Structures are given as structure tokens and as C-alpha cells.
Amino acid sequence: MKLFKIGITALVFLGPACSTPVNELPPLVNRPATDEVWENALCKGNNYLMAMKSSDKAAAELLFPGLKTAASPFQNIKKDVEDWGWLSGDKTDGDIPGLGIPEYIKAAQLLVDEIDYVTYDHDEDEYTMNGRKYKGTGAYAHIAVEWSGVIFALWRLHPFEAAEVGWGRQPAIDELPLLRRSSDLLWAAYALYSDDTDLRQCVASRITNQETRDIIYRALGNKGATKWPGASFDIESNEGLALLGSPNAAAFAYLLIQRKRELGNRCVTKVTAFLSGETANPMLLFDIAECEVLFNVL
């Protein structure tokens, strides 16, 4: 790949491709990420951040080799969501005030009466797309959008994981809906309720993914998350990059990378890990701002 920083003739070096290590440790509540998991998260976080700071074409070469654009293929998002068997609604388990984070709500100046809730459930018994019949997977994404540009991922279960449980076997990839990234569902919800407001924060709530929890624990110096204000890390720090490269951050990263046309060129600037007052599960807050395009391809 010939990836150049705009205005500079030197080639930007990219590290090795990130791996997806198999974690064989038993699930624990609090433990630090292994060196392998940590380095992999750093690798992903660095690639995500570089793609955010890149032109669309440069981001495509970095993350989607062979494609000319990093943009999501789902450009008619409301119709695409429906076509691929997702049922939408507005009833979700719990709400933002119920997370027990009044200090964050105050600090972020959220108006709780201006929060809209959206659910996407892949529960169709059967649906047809492009002449082929598909089964519902049982996947879901419960999302909240606050009018000033804040989006919450409340509950998420990927179609692969949902089908594996519901069907009692590993699904073949071609059995799953093409529209299966959480980033596309986040965009569907945000496009519905944002009123073209600039996206300023993304929040992953009540994190139960063990790998993400391990990365948070290590970023915090082998300590658990604390209540707001928690601990914040600049995105250029190792801790910030590792948190950006964690499983629970991927959807937000792809949202920014694949929706440049709609959102503008925006980057994560800071990551904050803090604890919900209602559960022992940590949360991740990603601050977002407009950023300059630094990388392009010739």
C-alpha cells in the first residue's frame, strides 16, 4: 500500500496485520489482558485511528484491501435494515437514567427527555433477500440517541453468536444477513434521530465482553474501573489505542470510518473508562471531534 501523509513525501509505515488470538483462559471478572491480546488491540486501535485520519480511499486501502471506498455498502439504511430481516422498535430493557450514571449525564449535559431508544431484532422466522431464503438469527442491537450528538450501545449480540446459540451449531457465513455490523445499525438509529447534529460522543454501556474487560483492566494499571469521572486516556496513548482496538469499540470505529460522507471526517480524541452505578460492568466513553485528513493515497 502506498499511503502518504498529505504534504509529506515519506511513506507511512504500517505495522503487521492484527491477529485474532484465541483466549484459552477461563472467564474471570477482573484480570489483565495478556501481552498478545494487548498488542493486538494496540494494532487494531492504531489502524482504526489512522483510517479515521485518512481520506475514504486511503481508509479503504488500509482496512479493506481491494476496495476503492471504505464507505458502507448500505446507503439506503432504513430499507436495507428492513430488507435484511431486522425488526425495529422503540422498547428496550432499561434506559439511560437507569444506568446509575447521573454524574456523567450532568457532565455531558444530556437531556434525558430528549433521548430516543431504538431496537433492532433479527427475529424474523424467515425472510427472502435477493431470491434466497434466510432464517432469523436472534441477534439484537438496542441503541439510545441523545439529540445533542451522543449515541449509546446498550445491548448488542452479533448474528454469528446469536445463531450459534439459537441454532445449536456454527452458522456458515452465507447463512447470515449481509447487514450484520453493529456500525450499520448504530448509523440507522443515529440517522433516524440525530437531526444532522454532529456526533460528539459514543458510549459502550454495561460491558460484559471478557476481552474488552481485560483490556480495560490492564489500561487501568491492573485495577477495576471506578465511578465517574473514571479514568481518561488521550487517543494517542497506548491505553487509548488499546481501548479503541477492543471488541466493544469496533462498531464506533467503523461508524466513523464508513460514514465519512454523512458525518464528515471525525476522529476519536479521548477514551474514558468508568463504572455504571447499577452494575459491576464497566463502560467506555469515546469523545469525538472533527479532524483533518492527514493521509491519502496517490
C-alpha atoms as a PDB file:
ATOM      1  CA  MET A   1       0.000   0.000   0.000  1.00  0.00           C
ATOM      2  CA  LYS A   2       1.298   3.480  -0.840  1.00  0.00           C
ATOM      3  CA  LEU A   3      -0.161   5.507   1.998  1.00  0.00           C
ATOM      4  CA  PHE A   4       1.126   9.053   2.200  1.00  0.00           C
ATOM      5  CA  LYS A   5       0.696  11.842   4.665  1.00  0.00           C
ATOM      6  CA  ILE A   6      -0.679  14.825   2.811  1.00  0.00           C
ATOM      7  CA  GLY A   7       2.070  17.332   2.049  1.00  0.00           C
ATOM      8  CA  ILE A   8       4.846  14.908   3.019  1.00  0.00           C
ATOM      9  CA  THR A   9       6.670  12.622   0.631  1.00  0.00           C
ATOM     10  CA  ALA A  10       7.733   9.942   3.118  1.00  0.00           C
ATOM     11  CA  LEU A  11       5.858   6.664   3.131  1.00  0.00           C
ATOM     12  CA  VAL A  12       3.953   5.982   6.321  1.00  0.00           C
ATOM     13  CA  PHE A  13       4.963   2.617   7.756  1.00  0.00           C
ATOM     14  CA  LEU A  14       2.153   0.307   8.762  1.00  0.00           C
ATOM     15  CA  GLY A  15       2.730  -2.440  11.290  1.00  0.00           C
ATOM     16  CA  PRO A  16       1.898  -6.104  10.797  1.00  0.00           C
ATOM     17  CA  ALA A  17      -1.658  -7.213  10.280  1.00  0.00           C
ATOM     18  CA  CYS A  18      -3.529  -7.623  13.546  1.00  0.00           C
ATOM     19  CA  SER A  19      -4.307 -11.146  14.644  1.00  0.00           C
ATOM     20  CA  THR A  20      -7.330 -12.537  16.411  1.00  0.00           C
ATOM     21  CA  PRO A  21      -5.856 -14.631  19.218  1.00  0.00           C
ATOM     22  CA  VAL A  22      -7.798 -17.407  20.868  1.00  0.00           C
ATOM     23  CA  ASN A  23      -8.116 -16.733  24.568  1.00  0.00           C
ATOM     24  CA  GLU A  24      -7.953 -20.039  26.402  1.00  0.00           C
ATOM     25  CA  LEU A  25      -8.092 -18.618  29.911  1.00  0.00           C
ATOM     26  CA  PRO A  26     -11.251 -19.298  31.914  1.00  0.00           C
ATOM     27  CA  PRO A  27     -13.617 -16.339  32.151  1.00  0.00           C
ATOM     28  CA  LEU A  28     -12.880 -14.157  35.174  1.00  0.00           C
ATOM     29  CA  VAL A  29     -14.347 -10.904  36.412  1.00  0.00           C
ATOM     30  CA  ASN A  30     -11.097  -8.935  36.687  1.00  0.00           C
ATOM     31  CA  ARG A  31      -7.821  -9.867  35.009  1.00  0.00           C
ATOM     32  CA  PRO A  32      -5.328  -8.003  32.826  1.00  0.00           C
ATOM     33  CA  ALA A  33      -5.155  -8.641  29.105  1.00  0.00           C
ATOM     34  CA  THR A  34      -2.322 -10.904  28.032  1.00  0.00           C
ATOM     35  CA  ASP A  35       0.532  -9.387  26.041  1.00  0.00           C
ATOM     36  CA  GLU A  36      -0.900 -10.968  22.880  1.00  0.00           C
ATOM     37  CA  VAL A  37      -4.374  -9.520  23.415  1.00  0.00           C
ATOM     38  CA  TRP A  38      -2.944  -6.125  24.376  1.00  0.00           C
ATOM     39  CA  GLU A  39      -0.635  -5.878  21.356  1.00  0.00           C
ATOM     40  CA  ASN A  40      -3.437  -6.972  19.048  1.00  0.00           C
ATOM     41  CA  ALA A  41      -5.724  -4.278  20.475  1.00  0.00           C
ATOM     42  CA  LEU A  42      -2.958  -1.694  20.025  1.00  0.00           C
ATOM     43  CA  CYS A  43      -2.555  -2.780  16.412  1.00  0.00           C
ATOM     44  CA  LYS A  44      -6.277  -2.511  15.704  1.00  0.00           C
ATOM     45  CA  GLY A  45      -6.622   0.789  17.537  1.00  0.00           C
ATOM     46  CA  ASN A  46      -3.734   2.297  15.593  1.00  0.00           C
ATOM     47  CA  ASN A  47      -5.228   1.134  12.291  1.00  0.00           C
ATOM     48  CA  TYR A  48      -8.662   2.479  13.221  1.00  0.00           C
ATOM     49  CA  LEU A  49      -7.250   5.866  14.193  1.00  0.00           C
ATOM     50  CA  MET A  50      -5.180   6.085  11.011  1.00  0.00           C
ATOM     51  CA  ALA A  51      -8.267   5.228   8.951  1.00  0.00           C
ATOM     52  CA  MET A  52     -10.225   7.969  10.729  1.00  0.00           C
ATOM     53  CA  LYS A  53      -7.487  10.440   9.783  1.00  0.00           C
ATOM     54  CA  SER A  54      -7.411   9.187   6.192  1.00  0.00           C
ATOM     55  CA  SER A  55      -9.318  10.000   3.067  1.00  0.00           C
ATOM     56  CA  ASP A  56     -12.000   7.496   2.160  1.00  0.00           C
ATOM     57  CA  LYS A  57      -9.767   5.876  -0.456  1.00  0.00           C
ATOM     58  CA  ALA A  58      -6.798   5.625   1.911  1.00  0.00           C
ATOM     59  CA  ALA A  59      -9.008   4.149   4.627  1.00  0.00           C
ATOM     60  CA  ALA A  60     -10.219   1.532   2.146  1.00  0.00           C
ATOM     61  CA  GLU A  61      -6.666   0.503   1.264  1.00  0.00           C
ATOM     62  CA  LEU A  62      -5.806   0.229   4.942  1.00  0.00           C
ATOM     63  CA  LEU A  63      -8.821  -1.733   6.172  1.00  0.00           C
ATOM     64  CA  PHE A  64     -10.480  -3.150   3.047  1.00  0.00           C
ATOM     65  CA  PRO A  65      -7.721  -4.087   0.563  1.00  0.00           C
ATOM     66  CA  GLY A  66      -9.076  -4.362  -2.959  1.00  0.00           C
ATOM     67  CA  LEU A  67     -11.952  -1.928  -2.419  1.00  0.00           C
ATOM     68  CA  LYS A  68     -11.907   1.640  -3.696  1.00  0.00           C
ATOM     69  CA  THR A  69     -14.041   3.016  -0.882  1.00  0.00           C
ATOM     70  CA  ALA A  70     -14.353   2.380   2.839  1.00  0.00           C
ATOM     71  CA  ALA A  71     -17.982   3.505   2.788  1.00  0.00           C
ATOM     72  CA  SER A  72     -20.603   1.056   3.967  1.00  0.00           C
ATOM     73  CA  PRO A  73     -22.379  -0.695   1.093  1.00  0.00           C
ATOM     74  CA  PHE A  74     -25.672   0.029   2.846  1.00  0.00           C
ATOM     75  CA  GLN A  75     -26.540   3.513   1.643  1.00  0.00           C
ATOM     76  CA  ASN A  76     -30.339   3.296   1.915  1.00  0.00           C
ATOM     77  CA  ILE A  77     -30.111   2.329   5.538  1.00  0.00           C
ATOM     78  CA  LYS A  78     -33.784   2.247   6.555  1.00  0.00           C
ATOM     79  CA  LYS A  79     -34.708  -0.002   3.628  1.00  0.00           C
ATOM     80  CA  ASP A  80     -31.541  -2.088   3.946  1.00  0.00           C
ATOM     81  CA  VAL A  81     -32.236  -2.825   7.607  1.00  0.00           C
ATOM     82  CA  GLU A  82     -35.754  -3.987   6.785  1.00  0.00           C
ATOM     83  CA  ASP A  83     -34.666  -5.979   3.727  1.00  0.00           C
ATOM     84  CA  TRP A  84     -32.148  -7.974   5.778  1.00  0.00           C
ATOM     85  CA  GLY A  85     -34.702  -9.129   8.313  1.00  0.00           C
ATOM     86  CA  TRP A  86     -34.183  -6.654  11.153  1.00  0.00           C
ATOM     87  CA  LEU A  87     -37.341  -5.675  13.021  1.00  0.00           C
ATOM     88  CA  SER A  88     -37.218  -2.182  14.512  1.00  0.00           C
ATOM     89  CA  GLY A  89     -38.950  -0.916  17.623  1.00  0.00           C
ATOM     90  CA  ASP A  90     -38.588   1.528  20.490  1.00  0.00           C
ATOM     91  CA  LYS A  91     -38.903  -0.712  23.554  1.00  0.00           C
ATOM     92  CA  THR A  92     -35.665  -1.630  25.299  1.00  0.00           C
ATOM     93  CA  ASP A  93     -34.680  -3.090  28.648  1.00  0.00           C
ATOM     94  CA  GLY A  94     -33.843  -0.129  30.867  1.00  0.00           C
ATOM     95  CA  ASP A  95     -32.959   3.437  29.991  1.00  0.00           C
ATOM     96  CA  ILE A  96     -30.057   5.855  30.352  1.00  0.00           C
ATOM     97  CA  PRO A  97     -31.028   7.210  33.803  1.00  0.00           C
ATOM     98  CA  GLY A  98     -31.344   3.595  34.930  1.00  0.00           C
ATOM     99  CA  LEU A  99     -27.634   3.040  34.298  1.00  0.00           C
ATOM    100  CA  GLY A 100     -26.838   4.900  37.500  1.00  0.00           C
ATOM    101  CA  ILE A 101     -24.559   7.490  35.885  1.00  0.00           C
ATOM    102  CA  PRO A 102     -26.061  10.854  36.955  1.00  0.00           C
ATOM    103  CA  GLU A 103     -22.617  12.469  37.200  1.00  0.00           C
ATOM    104  CA  TYR A 104     -21.851  11.636  33.577  1.00  0.00           C
ATOM    105  CA  ILE A 105     -25.310  12.765  32.438  1.00  0.00           C
ATOM    106  CA  LYS A 106     -24.694  16.119  34.134  1.00  0.00           C
ATOM    107  CA  ALA A 107     -21.131  16.470  32.823  1.00  0.00           C
ATOM    108  CA  ALA A 108     -22.206  15.671  29.250  1.00  0.00           C
ATOM    109  CA  GLN A 109     -25.221  17.993  29.585  1.00  0.00           C
ATOM    110  CA  LEU A 110     -27.574  15.303  28.357  1.00  0.00           C
ATOM    111  CA  LEU A 111     -31.289  15.972  28.294  1.00  0.00           C
ATOM    112  CA  VAL A 112     -32.834  12.676  29.363  1.00  0.00           C
ATOM    113  CA  ASP A 113     -36.206  13.729  27.952  1.00  0.00           C
ATOM    114  CA  GLU A 114     -34.539  14.120  24.547  1.00  0.00           C
ATOM    115  CA  ILE A 115     -33.228  10.551  24.344  1.00  0.00           C
ATOM    116  CA  ASP A 116     -34.762   8.215  21.777  1.00  0.00           C
ATOM    117  CA  TYR A 117     -34.487   4.442  22.055  1.00  0.00           C
ATOM    118  CA  VAL A 118     -34.252   2.129  19.065  1.00  0.00           C
ATOM    119  CA  THR A 119     -34.170  -1.659  18.984  1.00  0.00           C
ATOM    120  CA  TYR A 120     -33.192  -3.860  16.068  1.00  0.00           C
ATOM    121  CA  ASP A 121     -34.035  -7.540  16.493  1.00  0.00           C
ATOM    122  CA  HIS A 122     -33.202 -10.188  13.926  1.00  0.00           C
ATOM    123  CA  ASP A 123     -36.212 -12.296  14.835  1.00  0.00           C
ATOM    124  CA  GLU A 124     -37.956 -12.971  11.532  1.00  0.00           C
ATOM    125  CA  ASP A 125     -38.708 -16.700  11.262  1.00  0.00           C
ATOM    126  CA  GLU A 126     -37.834 -16.466   7.603  1.00  0.00           C
ATOM    127  CA  TYR A 127     -37.199 -13.696   5.090  1.00  0.00           C
ATOM    128  CA  THR A 128     -36.189 -13.556   1.447  1.00  0.00           C
ATOM    129  CA  MET A 129     -33.420 -11.403   0.053  1.00  0.00           C
ATOM    130  CA  ASN A 130     -32.027 -11.497  -3.489  1.00  0.00           C
ATOM    131  CA  GLY A 131     -34.137 -14.573  -4.213  1.00  0.00           C
ATOM    132  CA  ARG A 132     -32.765 -16.558  -1.276  1.00  0.00           C
ATOM    133  CA  LYS A 133     -34.498 -17.542   1.945  1.00  0.00           C
ATOM    134  CA  TYR A 134     -32.787 -16.749   5.263  1.00  0.00           C
ATOM    135  CA  LYS A 135     -33.606 -17.583   8.885  1.00  0.00           C
ATOM    136  CA  GLY A 136     -33.672 -15.060  11.699  1.00  0.00           C
ATOM    137  CA  THR A 137     -30.618 -15.370  13.938  1.00  0.00           C
ATOM    138  CA  GLY A 138     -31.927 -13.926  17.198  1.00  0.00           C
ATOM    139  CA  ALA A 139     -29.348 -11.118  17.093  1.00  0.00           C
ATOM    140  CA  TYR A 140     -30.175  -7.710  18.514  1.00  0.00           C
ATOM    141  CA  ALA A 141     -28.920  -4.168  18.976  1.00  0.00           C
ATOM    142  CA  HIS A 142     -30.513  -1.836  21.489  1.00  0.00           C
ATOM    143  CA  ILE A 143     -29.413   1.758  20.974  1.00  0.00           C
ATOM    144  CA  ALA A 144     -30.106   5.169  22.500  1.00  0.00           C
ATOM    145  CA  VAL A 145     -29.606   8.502  20.720  1.00  0.00           C
ATOM    146  CA  GLU A 146     -29.490  11.828  22.570  1.00  0.00           C
ATOM    147  CA  TRP A 147     -30.326  14.831  20.418  1.00  0.00           C
ATOM    148  CA  SER A 148     -27.033  16.714  21.009  1.00  0.00           C
ATOM    149  CA  GLY A 149     -24.933  14.050  19.300  1.00  0.00           C
ATOM    150  CA  VAL A 150     -24.449  11.189  21.764  1.00  0.00           C
ATOM    151  CA  ILE A 151     -25.127   7.561  20.917  1.00  0.00           C
ATOM    152  CA  PHE A 152     -25.257   4.649  23.371  1.00  0.00           C
ATOM    153  CA  ALA A 153     -24.809   0.992  22.502  1.00  0.00           C
ATOM    154  CA  LEU A 154     -26.912  -0.527  25.276  1.00  0.00           C
ATOM    155  CA  TRP A 155     -27.151  -4.204  24.356  1.00  0.00           C
ATOM    156  CA  ARG A 156     -25.696  -5.975  21.327  1.00  0.00           C
ATOM    157  CA  LEU A 157     -25.490  -9.574  20.131  1.00  0.00           C
ATOM    158  CA  HIS A 158     -23.905 -10.306  16.753  1.00  0.00           C
ATOM    159  CA  PRO A 159     -25.798 -12.546  14.290  1.00  0.00           C
ATOM    160  CA  PHE A 160     -22.999 -15.144  14.294  1.00  0.00           C
ATOM    161  CA  GLU A 161     -23.009 -15.503  18.083  1.00  0.00           C
ATOM    162  CA  ALA A 162     -26.805 -15.424  18.243  1.00  0.00           C
ATOM    163  CA  ALA A 163     -27.192 -18.091  15.558  1.00  0.00           C
ATOM    164  CA  GLU A 164     -24.552 -20.266  17.181  1.00  0.00           C
ATOM    165  CA  VAL A 165     -26.630 -20.333  20.364  1.00  0.00           C
ATOM    166  CA  GLY A 166     -30.082 -20.439  18.767  1.00  0.00           C
ATOM    167  CA  TRP A 167     -29.277 -22.959  16.050  1.00  0.00           C
ATOM    168  CA  GLY A 168     -27.018 -25.135  18.173  1.00  0.00           C
ATOM    169  CA  ARG A 169     -24.194 -25.012  15.625  1.00  0.00           C
ATOM    170  CA  GLN A 170     -21.804 -22.615  13.977  1.00  0.00           C
ATOM    171  CA  PRO A 171     -23.562 -20.903  11.069  1.00  0.00           C
ATOM    172  CA  ALA A 172     -21.976 -20.633   7.663  1.00  0.00           C
ATOM    173  CA  ILE A 173     -21.190 -17.026   6.808  1.00  0.00           C
ATOM    174  CA  ASP A 174     -23.540 -17.086   3.816  1.00  0.00           C
ATOM    175  CA  GLU A 175     -26.412 -18.037   6.154  1.00  0.00           C
ATOM    176  CA  LEU A 176     -26.091 -14.711   7.953  1.00  0.00           C
ATOM    177  CA  PRO A 177     -27.503 -11.358   6.853  1.00  0.00           C
ATOM    178  CA  LEU A 178     -25.095  -9.240   4.849  1.00  0.00           C
ATOM    179  CA  LEU A 179     -26.098  -6.335   7.051  1.00  0.00           C
ATOM    180  CA  ARG A 180     -24.643  -7.588  10.303  1.00  0.00           C
ATOM    181  CA  ARG A 181     -22.177  -4.948  11.523  1.00  0.00           C
ATOM    182  CA  SER A 182     -23.257  -3.062  14.621  1.00  0.00           C
ATOM    183  CA  SER A 183     -21.862   0.071  12.975  1.00  0.00           C
ATOM    184  CA  ASP A 184     -24.599  -0.030  10.331  1.00  0.00           C
ATOM    185  CA  LEU A 185     -27.290  -0.453  12.977  1.00  0.00           C
ATOM    186  CA  LEU A 186     -25.798   2.396  15.001  1.00  0.00           C
ATOM    187  CA  TRP A 187     -25.949   4.548  11.892  1.00  0.00           C
ATOM    188  CA  ALA A 188     -29.546   3.513  11.220  1.00  0.00           C
ATOM    189  CA  ALA A 189     -30.526   4.702  14.696  1.00  0.00           C
ATOM    190  CA  TYR A 190     -28.444   7.869  14.574  1.00  0.00           C
ATOM    191  CA  ALA A 191     -29.713   8.862  11.129  1.00  0.00           C
ATOM    192  CA  LEU A 192     -33.261   8.448  12.416  1.00  0.00           C
ATOM    193  CA  TYR A 193     -32.984  10.756  15.418  1.00  0.00           C
ATOM    194  CA  SER A 194     -29.888  12.956  15.218  1.00  0.00           C
ATOM    195  CA  ASP A 195     -31.335  15.832  13.122  1.00  0.00           C
ATOM    196  CA  ASP A 196     -27.937  16.141  11.412  1.00  0.00           C
ATOM    197  CA  THR A 197     -26.265  17.027  14.724  1.00  0.00           C
ATOM    198  CA  ASP A 198     -22.514  16.441  14.816  1.00  0.00           C
ATOM    199  CA  LEU A 199     -21.674  13.190  16.575  1.00  0.00           C
ATOM    200  CA  ARG A 200     -19.708  14.123  19.704  1.00  0.00           C
ATOM    201  CA  GLN A 201     -19.701  11.042  21.932  1.00  0.00           C
ATOM    202  CA  CYS A 202     -20.227   7.290  21.711  1.00  0.00           C
ATOM    203  CA  VAL A 203     -20.816   5.146  24.776  1.00  0.00           C
ATOM    204  CA  ALA A 204     -20.485   1.380  25.167  1.00  0.00           C
ATOM    205  CA  SER A 205     -22.531   0.540  28.238  1.00  0.00           C
ATOM    206  CA  ARG A 206     -22.516  -2.396  30.661  1.00  0.00           C
ATOM    207  CA  ILE A 207     -19.626  -4.205  29.001  1.00  0.00           C
ATOM    208  CA  THR A 208     -19.662  -7.974  29.501  1.00  0.00           C
ATOM    209  CA  ASN A 209     -17.229  -8.946  26.737  1.00  0.00           C
ATOM    210  CA  GLN A 210     -14.340 -10.559  28.594  1.00  0.00           C
ATOM    211  CA  GLU A 211     -11.626  -9.439  26.185  1.00  0.00           C
ATOM    212  CA  THR A 212     -12.709  -5.804  26.397  1.00  0.00           C
ATOM    213  CA  ARG A 213     -12.867  -6.051  30.186  1.00  0.00           C
ATOM    214  CA  ASP A 214      -9.334  -7.472  30.242  1.00  0.00           C
ATOM    215  CA  ILE A 215      -8.059  -4.582  28.117  1.00  0.00           C
ATOM    216  CA  ILE A 216      -9.785  -2.051  30.380  1.00  0.00           C
ATOM    217  CA  TYR A 217      -8.275  -3.694  33.470  1.00  0.00           C
ATOM    218  CA  ARG A 218      -4.752  -3.540  32.021  1.00  0.00           C
ATOM    219  CA  ALA A 219      -5.212   0.046  30.820  1.00  0.00           C
ATOM    220  CA  LEU A 220      -6.172   0.992  34.371  1.00  0.00           C
ATOM    221  CA  GLY A 221      -2.957  -0.467  35.790  1.00  0.00           C
ATOM    222  CA  ASN A 222      -4.488  -3.812  36.773  1.00  0.00           C
ATOM    223  CA  LYS A 223      -7.334  -2.157  38.624  1.00  0.00           C
ATOM    224  CA  GLY A 224     -11.057  -2.166  38.052  1.00  0.00           C
ATOM    225  CA  ALA A 225     -12.989   0.801  36.695  1.00  0.00           C
ATOM    226  CA  THR A 226     -14.342   3.371  39.138  1.00  0.00           C
ATOM    227  CA  LYS A 227     -17.431   5.554  39.052  1.00  0.00           C
ATOM    228  CA  TRP A 228     -17.483   8.796  37.079  1.00  0.00           C
ATOM    229  CA  PRO A 229     -15.200  10.570  36.238  1.00  0.00           C
ATOM    230  CA  GLY A 230     -13.326   7.275  35.951  1.00  0.00           C
ATOM    231  CA  ALA A 231     -10.021   7.362  34.080  1.00  0.00           C
ATOM    232  CA  SER A 232      -9.430   9.097  30.745  1.00  0.00           C
ATOM    233  CA  PHE A 233      -6.750   8.441  28.140  1.00  0.00           C
ATOM    234  CA  ASP A 234      -5.687  10.524  25.169  1.00  0.00           C
ATOM    235  CA  ILE A 235      -6.297   8.568  21.997  1.00  0.00           C
ATOM    236  CA  GLU A 236      -2.615   8.782  21.035  1.00  0.00           C
ATOM    237  CA  SER A 237      -1.575   6.964  24.235  1.00  0.00           C
ATOM    238  CA  ASN A 238      -1.063   3.207  24.320  1.00  0.00           C
ATOM    239  CA  GLU A 239      -4.005   2.870  26.687  1.00  0.00           C
ATOM    240  CA  GLY A 240      -6.251   4.946  24.445  1.00  0.00           C
ATOM    241  CA  LEU A 241      -5.284   2.998  21.336  1.00  0.00           C
ATOM    242  CA  ALA A 242      -5.748  -0.369  23.056  1.00  0.00           C
ATOM    243  CA  LEU A 243      -9.222   0.627  24.252  1.00  0.00           C
ATOM    244  CA  LEU A 244     -10.081   1.828  20.741  1.00  0.00           C
ATOM    245  CA  GLY A 245      -8.942  -1.573  19.457  1.00  0.00           C
ATOM    246  CA  SER A 246     -11.086  -3.512  21.935  1.00  0.00           C
ATOM    247  CA  PRO A 247     -14.075  -5.547  20.682  1.00  0.00           C
ATOM    248  CA  ASN A 248     -16.639  -3.137  22.136  1.00  0.00           C
ATOM    249  CA  ALA A 249     -15.093  -0.165  20.324  1.00  0.00           C
ATOM    250  CA  ALA A 250     -15.028  -1.670  16.832  1.00  0.00           C
ATOM    251  CA  ALA A 251     -18.582  -0.635  15.934  1.00  0.00           C
ATOM    252  CA  PHE A 252     -17.889   3.004  16.808  1.00  0.00           C
ATOM    253  CA  ALA A 253     -14.622   2.955  14.863  1.00  0.00           C
ATOM    254  CA  TYR A 254     -16.313   1.575  11.754  1.00  0.00           C
ATOM    255  CA  LEU A 255     -19.180   4.029  12.170  1.00  0.00           C
ATOM    256  CA  LEU A 256     -16.728   6.929  11.844  1.00  0.00           C
ATOM    257  CA  ILE A 257     -14.660   5.294   9.097  1.00  0.00           C
ATOM    258  CA  GLN A 258     -17.529   4.085   6.903  1.00  0.00           C
ATOM    259  CA  ARG A 259     -19.779   7.138   7.260  1.00  0.00           C
ATOM    260  CA  LYS A 260     -17.342   9.912   6.365  1.00  0.00           C
ATOM    261  CA  ARG A 261     -19.695  11.228   3.691  1.00  0.00           C
ATOM    262  CA  GLU A 262     -22.549  11.575   6.173  1.00  0.00           C
ATOM    263  CA  LEU A 263     -20.658  12.503   9.361  1.00  0.00           C
ATOM    264  CA  GLY A 264     -17.652  14.308   7.921  1.00  0.00           C
ATOM    265  CA  ASN A 265     -14.103  13.378   8.855  1.00  0.00           C
ATOM    266  CA  ARG A 266     -14.346  12.707  12.573  1.00  0.00           C
ATOM    267  CA  CYS A 267     -11.928  11.049  14.984  1.00  0.00           C
ATOM    268  CA  VAL A 268     -11.934   9.684  18.499  1.00  0.00           C
ATOM    269  CA  THR A 269      -9.881  12.066  20.664  1.00  0.00           C
ATOM    270  CA  LYS A 270     -10.170  10.540  24.134  1.00  0.00           C
ATOM    271  CA  VAL A 271     -11.397   7.361  25.816  1.00  0.00           C
ATOM    272  CA  THR A 272     -12.807   7.236  29.346  1.00  0.00           C
ATOM    273  CA  ALA A 273     -13.397   4.044  31.323  1.00  0.00           C
ATOM    274  CA  PHE A 274     -15.853   4.305  34.189  1.00  0.00           C
ATOM    275  CA  LEU A 275     -18.273   2.181  36.168  1.00  0.00           C
ATOM    276  CA  SER A 276     -22.030   2.129  35.998  1.00  0.00           C
ATOM    277  CA  GLY A 277     -23.581   2.724  39.384  1.00  0.00           C
ATOM    278  CA  GLU A 278     -26.107  -0.063  38.863  1.00  0.00           C
ATOM    279  CA  THR A 279     -23.829  -2.938  37.855  1.00  0.00           C
ATOM    280  CA  ALA A 280     -20.260  -4.130  38.211  1.00  0.00           C
ATOM    281  CA  ASN A 281     -19.828  -3.787  34.464  1.00  0.00           C
ATOM    282  CA  PRO A 282     -17.582  -1.028  33.079  1.00  0.00           C
ATOM    283  CA  MET A 283     -18.478   1.491  30.408  1.00  0.00           C
ATOM    284  CA  LEU A 284     -16.367   3.135  27.718  1.00  0.00           C
ATOM    285  CA  LEU A 285     -16.928   6.710  26.565  1.00  0.00           C
ATOM    286  CA  PHE A 286     -15.373   7.865  23.292  1.00  0.00           C
ATOM    287  CA  ASP A 287     -15.085  11.620  22.751  1.00  0.00           C
ATOM    288  CA  ILE A 288     -15.285  12.552  19.067  1.00  0.00           C
ATOM    289  CA  ALA A 289     -14.392  15.683  17.129  1.00  0.00           C
ATOM    290  CA  GLU A 290     -13.857  16.810  13.565  1.00  0.00           C
ATOM    291  CA  CYS A 291     -10.318  16.057  12.425  1.00  0.00           C
ATOM    292  CA  GLU A 292      -8.100  16.906   9.497  1.00  0.00           C
ATOM    293  CA  VAL A 293      -7.473  14.379   6.731  1.00  0.00           C
ATOM    294  CA  LEU A 294      -3.774  13.589   7.137  1.00  0.00           C
ATOM    295  CA  PHE A 295      -3.360  10.525   4.936  1.00  0.00           C
ATOM    296  CA  ASN A 296      -4.168   9.968   1.299  1.00  0.00           C
ATOM    297  CA  VAL A 297      -3.140   7.637  -1.499  1.00  0.00           C
ATOM    298  CA  LEU A 298      -1.517   8.601  -4.774  1.00  0.00           C
END
